[in-house]
mmCIF file of all heavy atoms, coordinates in Angstrom:
data_MODEL
# 
_entry.id   MODEL 
# 
loop_
_atom_site.group_PDB 
_atom_site.id 
_atom_site.type_symbol 
_atom_site.label_atom_id 
_atom_site.label_alt_id 
_atom_site.label_comp_id 
_atom_site.label_asym_id 
_atom_site.label_entity_id 
_atom_site.label_seq_id 
_atom_site.pdbx_PDB_ins_code 
_atom_site.Cartn_x 
_atom_site.Cartn_y 
_atom_site.Cartn_z 
_atom_site.occupancy 
_atom_site.B_iso_or_equiv 
_atom_site.pdbx_formal_charge 
_atom_site.auth_seq_id 
_atom_site.auth_comp_id 
_atom_site.auth_asym_id 
_atom_site.auth_atom_id 
_atom_site.pdbx_PDB_model_num 
ATOM 1   N N   . ALA A 1 1  ? 43.845 -35.031 268.282 1.00 0.00 ? 1  ALA A N   1 
ATOM 2   C CA  . ALA A 1 1  ? 43.772 -36.391 268.779 1.00 0.00 ? 1  ALA A CA  1 
ATOM 3   C C   . ALA A 1 1  ? 45.015 -36.669 269.625 1.00 0.00 ? 1  ALA A C   1 
ATOM 4   O O   . ALA A 1 1  ? 45.913 -35.778 269.715 1.00 0.00 ? 1  ALA A O   1 
ATOM 5   C CB  . ALA A 1 1  ? 43.715 -37.381 267.626 1.00 0.00 ? 1  ALA A CB  1 
ATOM 6   N N   . THR A 1 2  ? 45.048 -37.846 270.230 1.00 0.00 ? 2  THR A N   1 
ATOM 7   C CA  . THR A 1 2  ? 46.219 -38.192 270.987 1.00 0.00 ? 2  THR A CA  1 
ATOM 8   C C   . THR A 1 2  ? 47.175 -38.944 270.034 1.00 0.00 ? 2  THR A C   1 
ATOM 9   O O   . THR A 1 2  ? 46.806 -39.517 269.056 1.00 0.00 ? 2  THR A O   1 
ATOM 10  C CB  . THR A 1 2  ? 45.874 -39.149 272.220 1.00 0.00 ? 2  THR A CB  1 
ATOM 11  O OG1 . THR A 1 2  ? 45.442 -40.390 271.658 1.00 0.00 ? 2  THR A OG1 1 
ATOM 12  C CG2 . THR A 1 2  ? 44.821 -38.459 273.107 1.00 0.00 ? 2  THR A CG2 1 
ATOM 13  N N   . PRO A 1 3  ? 48.503 -38.955 270.447 1.00 0.00 ? 3  PRO A N   1 
ATOM 14  C CA  . PRO A 1 3  ? 49.441 -39.708 269.630 1.00 0.00 ? 3  PRO A CA  1 
ATOM 15  C C   . PRO A 1 3  ? 49.073 -41.208 269.559 1.00 0.00 ? 3  PRO A C   1 
ATOM 16  O O   . PRO A 1 3  ? 49.213 -41.785 268.449 1.00 0.00 ? 3  PRO A O   1 
ATOM 17  C CB  . PRO A 1 3  ? 50.779 -39.501 270.328 1.00 0.00 ? 3  PRO A CB  1 
ATOM 18  C CG  . PRO A 1 3  ? 50.633 -38.158 270.993 1.00 0.00 ? 3  PRO A CG  1 
ATOM 19  C CD  . PRO A 1 3  ? 49.154 -38.108 271.440 1.00 0.00 ? 3  PRO A CD  1 
ATOM 20  N N   . ILE A 1 4  ? 48.541 -41.712 270.629 1.00 0.00 ? 4  ILE A N   1 
ATOM 21  C CA  . ILE A 1 4  ? 48.074 -43.119 270.592 1.00 0.00 ? 4  ILE A CA  1 
ATOM 22  C C   . ILE A 1 4  ? 47.058 -43.385 269.541 1.00 0.00 ? 4  ILE A C   1 
ATOM 23  O O   . ILE A 1 4  ? 47.054 -44.309 268.798 1.00 0.00 ? 4  ILE A O   1 
ATOM 24  C CB  . ILE A 1 4  ? 47.623 -43.536 271.982 1.00 0.00 ? 4  ILE A CB  1 
ATOM 25  C CG1 . ILE A 1 4  ? 48.663 -43.373 273.052 1.00 0.00 ? 4  ILE A CG1 1 
ATOM 26  C CG2 . ILE A 1 4  ? 47.013 -44.946 271.991 1.00 0.00 ? 4  ILE A CG2 1 
ATOM 27  C CD1 . ILE A 1 4  ? 49.964 -44.124 272.817 1.00 0.00 ? 4  ILE A CD1 1 
ATOM 28  N N   . GLN A 1 5  ? 46.078 -42.445 269.501 1.00 0.00 ? 5  GLN A N   1 
ATOM 29  C CA  . GLN A 1 5  ? 45.001 -42.583 268.517 1.00 0.00 ? 5  GLN A CA  1 
ATOM 30  C C   . GLN A 1 5  ? 45.502 -42.448 267.100 1.00 0.00 ? 5  GLN A C   1 
ATOM 31  O O   . GLN A 1 5  ? 45.011 -43.233 266.227 1.00 0.00 ? 5  GLN A O   1 
ATOM 32  C CB  . GLN A 1 5  ? 43.880 -41.496 268.755 1.00 0.00 ? 5  GLN A CB  1 
ATOM 33  C CG  . GLN A 1 5  ? 43.093 -41.720 270.039 1.00 0.00 ? 5  GLN A CG  1 
ATOM 34  C CD  . GLN A 1 5  ? 42.279 -40.506 270.439 1.00 0.00 ? 5  GLN A CD  1 
ATOM 35  O OE1 . GLN A 1 5  ? 42.602 -39.364 270.162 1.00 0.00 ? 5  GLN A OE1 1 
ATOM 36  N NE2 . GLN A 1 5  ? 41.157 -40.825 271.085 1.00 0.00 ? 5  GLN A NE2 1 
ATOM 37  N N   . VAL A 1 6  ? 46.460 -41.600 266.851 1.00 0.00 ? 6  VAL A N   1 
ATOM 38  C CA  . VAL A 1 6  ? 47.048 -41.444 265.562 1.00 0.00 ? 6  VAL A CA  1 
ATOM 39  C C   . VAL A 1 6  ? 47.790 -42.696 265.146 1.00 0.00 ? 6  VAL A C   1 
ATOM 40  O O   . VAL A 1 6  ? 47.632 -43.191 264.005 1.00 0.00 ? 6  VAL A O   1 
ATOM 41  C CB  . VAL A 1 6  ? 47.982 -40.171 265.442 1.00 0.00 ? 6  VAL A CB  1 
ATOM 42  C CG1 . VAL A 1 6  ? 48.803 -40.159 264.172 1.00 0.00 ? 6  VAL A CG1 1 
ATOM 43  C CG2 . VAL A 1 6  ? 47.145 -38.888 265.579 1.00 0.00 ? 6  VAL A CG2 1 
ATOM 44  N N   . ALA A 1 7  ? 48.557 -43.244 266.040 1.00 0.00 ? 7  ALA A N   1 
ATOM 45  C CA  . ALA A 1 7  ? 49.315 -44.500 265.775 1.00 0.00 ? 7  ALA A CA  1 
ATOM 46  C C   . ALA A 1 7  ? 48.358 -45.639 265.391 1.00 0.00 ? 7  ALA A C   1 
ATOM 47  O O   . ALA A 1 7  ? 48.622 -46.377 264.476 1.00 0.00 ? 7  ALA A O   1 
ATOM 48  C CB  . ALA A 1 7  ? 50.176 -44.825 267.001 1.00 0.00 ? 7  ALA A CB  1 
ATOM 49  N N   . LEU A 1 8  ? 47.205 -45.741 266.180 1.00 0.00 ? 8  LEU A N   1 
ATOM 50  C CA  . LEU A 1 8  ? 46.296 -46.791 265.890 1.00 0.00 ? 8  LEU A CA  1 
ATOM 51  C C   . LEU A 1 8  ? 45.517 -46.555 264.585 1.00 0.00 ? 8  LEU A C   1 
ATOM 52  O O   . LEU A 1 8  ? 45.322 -47.460 263.761 1.00 0.00 ? 8  LEU A O   1 
ATOM 53  C CB  . LEU A 1 8  ? 45.340 -46.971 267.044 1.00 0.00 ? 8  LEU A CB  1 
ATOM 54  C CG  . LEU A 1 8  ? 45.928 -47.472 268.341 1.00 0.00 ? 8  LEU A CG  1 
ATOM 55  C CD1 . LEU A 1 8  ? 44.893 -47.476 269.467 1.00 0.00 ? 8  LEU A CD1 1 
ATOM 56  C CD2 . LEU A 1 8  ? 46.496 -48.949 268.141 1.00 0.00 ? 8  LEU A CD2 1 
ATOM 57  N N   . ALA A 1 9  ? 45.172 -45.289 264.310 1.00 0.00 ? 9  ALA A N   1 
ATOM 58  C CA  . ALA A 1 9  ? 44.494 -44.938 263.105 1.00 0.00 ? 9  ALA A CA  1 
ATOM 59  C C   . ALA A 1 9  ? 45.371 -45.212 261.923 1.00 0.00 ? 9  ALA A C   1 
ATOM 60  O O   . ALA A 1 9  ? 44.907 -45.753 260.863 1.00 0.00 ? 9  ALA A O   1 
ATOM 61  C CB  . ALA A 1 9  ? 44.054 -43.469 263.161 1.00 0.00 ? 9  ALA A CB  1 
ATOM 62  N N   . TRP A 1 10 ? 46.677 -44.902 262.023 1.00 0.00 ? 10 TRP A N   1 
ATOM 63  C CA  . TRP A 1 10 ? 47.610 -45.203 260.903 1.00 0.00 ? 10 TRP A CA  1 
ATOM 64  C C   . TRP A 1 10 ? 47.578 -46.740 260.615 1.00 0.00 ? 10 TRP A C   1 
ATOM 65  O O   . TRP A 1 10 ? 47.564 -47.143 259.434 1.00 0.00 ? 10 TRP A O   1 
ATOM 66  C CB  . TRP A 1 10 ? 49.042 -44.714 261.252 1.00 0.00 ? 10 TRP A CB  1 
ATOM 67  C CG  . TRP A 1 10 ? 49.954 -44.975 260.129 1.00 0.00 ? 10 TRP A CG  1 
ATOM 68  C CD1 . TRP A 1 10 ? 50.214 -44.179 259.039 1.00 0.00 ? 10 TRP A CD1 1 
ATOM 69  C CD2 . TRP A 1 10 ? 50.812 -46.139 259.985 1.00 0.00 ? 10 TRP A CD2 1 
ATOM 70  N NE1 . TRP A 1 10 ? 51.192 -44.797 258.194 1.00 0.00 ? 10 TRP A NE1 1 
ATOM 71  C CE2 . TRP A 1 10 ? 51.543 -45.986 258.806 1.00 0.00 ? 10 TRP A CE2 1 
ATOM 72  C CE3 . TRP A 1 10 ? 50.994 -47.304 260.749 1.00 0.00 ? 10 TRP A CE3 1 
ATOM 73  C CZ2 . TRP A 1 10 ? 52.443 -46.909 258.336 1.00 0.00 ? 10 TRP A CZ2 1 
ATOM 74  C CZ3 . TRP A 1 10 ? 51.928 -48.232 260.269 1.00 0.00 ? 10 TRP A CZ3 1 
ATOM 75  C CH2 . TRP A 1 10 ? 52.637 -48.044 259.092 1.00 0.00 ? 10 TRP A CH2 1 
ATOM 76  N N   . LEU A 1 11 ? 47.649 -47.534 261.640 1.00 0.00 ? 11 LEU A N   1 
ATOM 77  C CA  . LEU A 1 11 ? 47.634 -48.955 261.412 1.00 0.00 ? 11 LEU A CA  1 
ATOM 78  C C   . LEU A 1 11 ? 46.388 -49.431 260.737 1.00 0.00 ? 11 LEU A C   1 
ATOM 79  O O   . LEU A 1 11 ? 46.358 -50.189 259.761 1.00 0.00 ? 11 LEU A O   1 
ATOM 80  C CB  . LEU A 1 11 ? 47.790 -49.708 262.759 1.00 0.00 ? 11 LEU A CB  1 
ATOM 81  C CG  . LEU A 1 11 ? 49.139 -49.765 263.404 1.00 0.00 ? 11 LEU A CG  1 
ATOM 82  C CD1 . LEU A 1 11 ? 49.054 -50.293 264.780 1.00 0.00 ? 11 LEU A CD1 1 
ATOM 83  C CD2 . LEU A 1 11 ? 50.120 -50.670 262.582 1.00 0.00 ? 11 LEU A CD2 1 
ATOM 84  N N   . LEU A 1 12 ? 45.229 -48.922 261.186 1.00 0.00 ? 12 LEU A N   1 
ATOM 85  C CA  . LEU A 1 12 ? 43.940 -49.288 260.594 1.00 0.00 ? 12 LEU A CA  1 
ATOM 86  C C   . LEU A 1 12 ? 43.840 -48.853 259.136 1.00 0.00 ? 12 LEU A C   1 
ATOM 87  O O   . LEU A 1 12 ? 43.136 -49.561 258.370 1.00 0.00 ? 12 LEU A O   1 
ATOM 88  C CB  . LEU A 1 12 ? 42.748 -48.661 261.394 1.00 0.00 ? 12 LEU A CB  1 
ATOM 89  C CG  . LEU A 1 12 ? 42.606 -49.252 262.823 1.00 0.00 ? 12 LEU A CG  1 
ATOM 90  C CD1 . LEU A 1 12 ? 41.650 -48.421 263.639 1.00 0.00 ? 12 LEU A CD1 1 
ATOM 91  C CD2 . LEU A 1 12 ? 42.180 -50.709 262.763 1.00 0.00 ? 12 LEU A CD2 1 
ATOM 92  N N   . GLN A 1 13 ? 44.449 -47.805 258.744 1.00 0.00 ? 13 GLN A N   1 
ATOM 93  C CA  . GLN A 1 13 ? 44.395 -47.281 257.393 1.00 0.00 ? 13 GLN A CA  1 
ATOM 94  C C   . GLN A 1 13 ? 45.521 -47.875 256.542 1.00 0.00 ? 13 GLN A C   1 
ATOM 95  O O   . GLN A 1 13 ? 45.384 -47.821 255.333 1.00 0.00 ? 13 GLN A O   1 
ATOM 96  C CB  . GLN A 1 13 ? 44.452 -45.764 257.327 1.00 0.00 ? 13 GLN A CB  1 
ATOM 97  C CG  . GLN A 1 13 ? 43.163 -45.165 257.859 1.00 0.00 ? 13 GLN A CG  1 
ATOM 98  C CD  . GLN A 1 13 ? 43.186 -43.594 257.790 1.00 0.00 ? 13 GLN A CD  1 
ATOM 99  O OE1 . GLN A 1 13 ? 42.817 -42.975 258.750 1.00 0.00 ? 13 GLN A OE1 1 
ATOM 100 N NE2 . GLN A 1 13 ? 43.714 -42.988 256.686 1.00 0.00 ? 13 GLN A NE2 1 
ATOM 101 N N   . HIS A 1 14 ? 46.554 -48.329 257.136 1.00 0.00 ? 14 HIS A N   1 
ATOM 102 C CA  . HIS A 1 14 ? 47.733 -48.815 256.399 1.00 0.00 ? 14 HIS A CA  1 
ATOM 103 C C   . HIS A 1 14 ? 47.491 -50.012 255.511 1.00 0.00 ? 14 HIS A C   1 
ATOM 104 O O   . HIS A 1 14 ? 47.968 -50.113 254.388 1.00 0.00 ? 14 HIS A O   1 
ATOM 105 C CB  . HIS A 1 14 ? 48.950 -49.013 257.307 1.00 0.00 ? 14 HIS A CB  1 
ATOM 106 C CG  . HIS A 1 14 ? 50.158 -49.349 256.666 1.00 0.00 ? 14 HIS A CG  1 
ATOM 107 N ND1 . HIS A 1 14 ? 50.884 -48.410 255.918 1.00 0.00 ? 14 HIS A ND1 1 
ATOM 108 C CD2 . HIS A 1 14 ? 50.915 -50.452 256.622 1.00 0.00 ? 14 HIS A CD2 1 
ATOM 109 C CE1 . HIS A 1 14 ? 51.985 -48.949 255.408 1.00 0.00 ? 14 HIS A CE1 1 
ATOM 110 N NE2 . HIS A 1 14 ? 52.034 -50.215 255.817 1.00 0.00 ? 14 HIS A NE2 1 
ATOM 111 N N   . SER A 1 15 ? 46.809 -50.990 256.076 1.00 0.00 ? 15 SER A N   1 
ATOM 112 C CA  . SER A 1 15 ? 46.553 -52.217 255.361 1.00 0.00 ? 15 SER A CA  1 
ATOM 113 C C   . SER A 1 15 ? 45.260 -52.886 255.890 1.00 0.00 ? 15 SER A C   1 
ATOM 114 O O   . SER A 1 15 ? 45.091 -52.913 257.111 1.00 0.00 ? 15 SER A O   1 
ATOM 115 C CB  . SER A 1 15 ? 47.722 -53.194 255.586 1.00 0.00 ? 15 SER A CB  1 
ATOM 116 O OG  . SER A 1 15 ? 47.373 -54.488 255.066 1.00 0.00 ? 15 SER A OG  1 
ATOM 117 N N   . PRO A 1 16 ? 44.462 -53.451 254.981 1.00 0.00 ? 16 PRO A N   1 
ATOM 118 C CA  . PRO A 1 16 ? 43.276 -54.148 255.454 1.00 0.00 ? 16 PRO A CA  1 
ATOM 119 C C   . PRO A 1 16 ? 43.673 -55.396 256.266 1.00 0.00 ? 16 PRO A C   1 
ATOM 120 O O   . PRO A 1 16 ? 42.778 -55.962 256.952 1.00 0.00 ? 16 PRO A O   1 
ATOM 121 C CB  . PRO A 1 16 ? 42.558 -54.509 254.148 1.00 0.00 ? 16 PRO A CB  1 
ATOM 122 C CG  . PRO A 1 16 ? 43.610 -54.484 253.064 1.00 0.00 ? 16 PRO A CG  1 
ATOM 123 C CD  . PRO A 1 16 ? 44.646 -53.479 253.539 1.00 0.00 ? 16 PRO A CD  1 
ATOM 124 N N   . ALA A 1 17 ? 44.877 -55.908 256.187 1.00 0.00 ? 17 ALA A N   1 
ATOM 125 C CA  . ALA A 1 17 ? 45.264 -57.100 256.948 1.00 0.00 ? 17 ALA A CA  1 
ATOM 126 C C   . ALA A 1 17 ? 45.536 -56.778 258.373 1.00 0.00 ? 17 ALA A C   1 
ATOM 127 O O   . ALA A 1 17 ? 45.546 -57.707 259.227 1.00 0.00 ? 17 ALA A O   1 
ATOM 128 C CB  . ALA A 1 17 ? 46.503 -57.719 256.281 1.00 0.00 ? 17 ALA A CB  1 
ATOM 129 N N   . LEU A 1 18 ? 45.867 -55.569 258.704 1.00 0.00 ? 18 LEU A N   1 
ATOM 130 C CA  . LEU A 1 18 ? 46.187 -55.161 260.049 1.00 0.00 ? 18 LEU A CA  1 
ATOM 131 C C   . LEU A 1 18 ? 45.045 -55.173 261.060 1.00 0.00 ? 18 LEU A C   1 
ATOM 132 O O   . LEU A 1 18 ? 44.014 -54.442 260.821 1.00 0.00 ? 18 LEU A O   1 
ATOM 133 C CB  . LEU A 1 18 ? 46.952 -53.824 260.049 1.00 0.00 ? 18 LEU A CB  1 
ATOM 134 C CG  . LEU A 1 18 ? 48.319 -53.842 259.526 1.00 0.00 ? 18 LEU A CG  1 
ATOM 135 C CD1 . LEU A 1 18 ? 48.872 -52.417 259.329 1.00 0.00 ? 18 LEU A CD1 1 
ATOM 136 C CD2 . LEU A 1 18 ? 49.284 -54.567 260.449 1.00 0.00 ? 18 LEU A CD2 1 
ATOM 137 N N   . LEU A 1 19 ? 45.201 -55.846 262.095 1.00 0.00 ? 19 LEU A N   1 
ATOM 138 C CA  . LEU A 1 19 ? 44.162 -55.858 263.194 1.00 0.00 ? 19 LEU A CA  1 
ATOM 139 C C   . LEU A 1 19 ? 44.853 -55.550 264.504 1.00 0.00 ? 19 LEU A C   1 
ATOM 140 O O   . LEU A 1 19 ? 45.215 -56.500 265.225 1.00 0.00 ? 19 LEU A O   1 
ATOM 141 C CB  . LEU A 1 19 ? 43.480 -57.229 263.251 1.00 0.00 ? 19 LEU A CB  1 
ATOM 142 C CG  . LEU A 1 19 ? 42.704 -57.656 262.031 1.00 0.00 ? 19 LEU A CG  1 
ATOM 143 C CD1 . LEU A 1 19 ? 42.319 -59.130 262.104 1.00 0.00 ? 19 LEU A CD1 1 
ATOM 144 C CD2 . LEU A 1 19 ? 41.532 -56.811 261.845 1.00 0.00 ? 19 LEU A CD2 1 
ATOM 145 N N   . PRO A 1 20 ? 45.089 -54.322 264.833 1.00 0.00 ? 20 PRO A N   1 
ATOM 146 C CA  . PRO A 1 20 ? 45.828 -54.001 265.993 1.00 0.00 ? 20 PRO A CA  1 
ATOM 147 C C   . PRO A 1 20 ? 45.008 -54.373 267.268 1.00 0.00 ? 20 PRO A C   1 
ATOM 148 O O   . PRO A 1 20 ? 43.796 -54.050 267.333 1.00 0.00 ? 20 PRO A O   1 
ATOM 149 C CB  . PRO A 1 20 ? 46.148 -52.482 265.962 1.00 0.00 ? 20 PRO A CB  1 
ATOM 150 C CG  . PRO A 1 20 ? 45.105 -51.993 265.009 1.00 0.00 ? 20 PRO A CG  1 
ATOM 151 C CD  . PRO A 1 20 ? 44.815 -53.121 264.054 1.00 0.00 ? 20 PRO A CD  1 
ATOM 152 N N   . ILE A 1 21 ? 45.655 -54.890 268.306 1.00 0.00 ? 21 ILE A N   1 
ATOM 153 C CA  . ILE A 1 21 ? 45.020 -55.139 269.509 1.00 0.00 ? 21 ILE A CA  1 
ATOM 154 C C   . ILE A 1 21 ? 45.846 -54.608 270.685 1.00 0.00 ? 21 ILE A C   1 
ATOM 155 O O   . ILE A 1 21 ? 46.685 -55.231 271.280 1.00 0.00 ? 21 ILE A O   1 
ATOM 156 C CB  . ILE A 1 21 ? 44.867 -56.702 269.733 1.00 0.00 ? 21 ILE A CB  1 
ATOM 157 C CG1 . ILE A 1 21 ? 44.136 -57.326 268.546 1.00 0.00 ? 21 ILE A CG1 1 
ATOM 158 C CG2 . ILE A 1 21 ? 44.113 -56.986 271.066 1.00 0.00 ? 21 ILE A CG2 1 
ATOM 159 C CD1 . ILE A 1 21 ? 44.095 -58.878 268.629 1.00 0.00 ? 21 ILE A CD1 1 
ATOM 160 N N   . PRO A 1 22 ? 45.679 -53.267 270.901 1.00 0.00 ? 22 PRO A N   1 
ATOM 161 C CA  . PRO A 1 22 ? 46.550 -52.645 271.927 1.00 0.00 ? 22 PRO A CA  1 
ATOM 162 C C   . PRO A 1 22 ? 46.042 -53.079 273.329 1.00 0.00 ? 22 PRO A C   1 
ATOM 163 O O   . PRO A 1 22 ? 44.851 -53.193 273.567 1.00 0.00 ? 22 PRO A O   1 
ATOM 164 C CB  . PRO A 1 22 ? 46.285 -51.154 271.699 1.00 0.00 ? 22 PRO A CB  1 
ATOM 165 C CG  . PRO A 1 22 ? 44.892 -51.098 271.080 1.00 0.00 ? 22 PRO A CG  1 
ATOM 166 C CD  . PRO A 1 22 ? 44.781 -52.341 270.281 1.00 0.00 ? 22 PRO A CD  1 
ATOM 167 N N   . GLY A 1 23 ? 46.988 -53.355 274.152 1.00 0.00 ? 23 GLY A N   1 
ATOM 168 C CA  . GLY A 1 23 ? 46.636 -53.729 275.525 1.00 0.00 ? 23 GLY A CA  1 
ATOM 169 C C   . GLY A 1 23 ? 46.273 -52.466 276.316 1.00 0.00 ? 23 GLY A C   1 
ATOM 170 O O   . GLY A 1 23 ? 46.680 -51.342 275.995 1.00 0.00 ? 23 GLY A O   1 
ATOM 171 N N   . THR A 1 24 ? 45.451 -52.674 277.319 1.00 0.00 ? 24 THR A N   1 
ATOM 172 C CA  . THR A 1 24 ? 45.003 -51.561 278.113 1.00 0.00 ? 24 THR A CA  1 
ATOM 173 C C   . THR A 1 24 ? 44.627 -52.102 279.517 1.00 0.00 ? 24 THR A C   1 
ATOM 174 O O   . THR A 1 24 ? 44.097 -53.186 279.612 1.00 0.00 ? 24 THR A O   1 
ATOM 175 C CB  . THR A 1 24 ? 43.901 -50.737 277.539 1.00 0.00 ? 24 THR A CB  1 
ATOM 176 O OG1 . THR A 1 24 ? 43.644 -49.657 278.401 1.00 0.00 ? 24 THR A OG1 1 
ATOM 177 C CG2 . THR A 1 24 ? 42.605 -51.635 277.414 1.00 0.00 ? 24 THR A CG2 1 
ATOM 178 N N   . SER A 1 25 ? 44.902 -51.300 280.526 1.00 0.00 ? 25 SER A N   1 
ATOM 179 C CA  . SER A 1 25 ? 44.497 -51.733 281.894 1.00 0.00 ? 25 SER A CA  1 
ATOM 180 C C   . SER A 1 25 ? 43.492 -50.688 282.536 1.00 0.00 ? 25 SER A C   1 
ATOM 181 O O   . SER A 1 25 ? 43.153 -50.882 283.669 1.00 0.00 ? 25 SER A O   1 
ATOM 182 C CB  . SER A 1 25 ? 45.746 -51.843 282.769 1.00 0.00 ? 25 SER A CB  1 
ATOM 183 O OG  . SER A 1 25 ? 46.442 -50.611 282.819 1.00 0.00 ? 25 SER A OG  1 
# 
């Protein structure tokens, strides 16, 4: 995977309260 995907996956698995909204262009 990409490091970005791993960082987002970690957030999603870390806590059910976390709702990451990464910006993208």
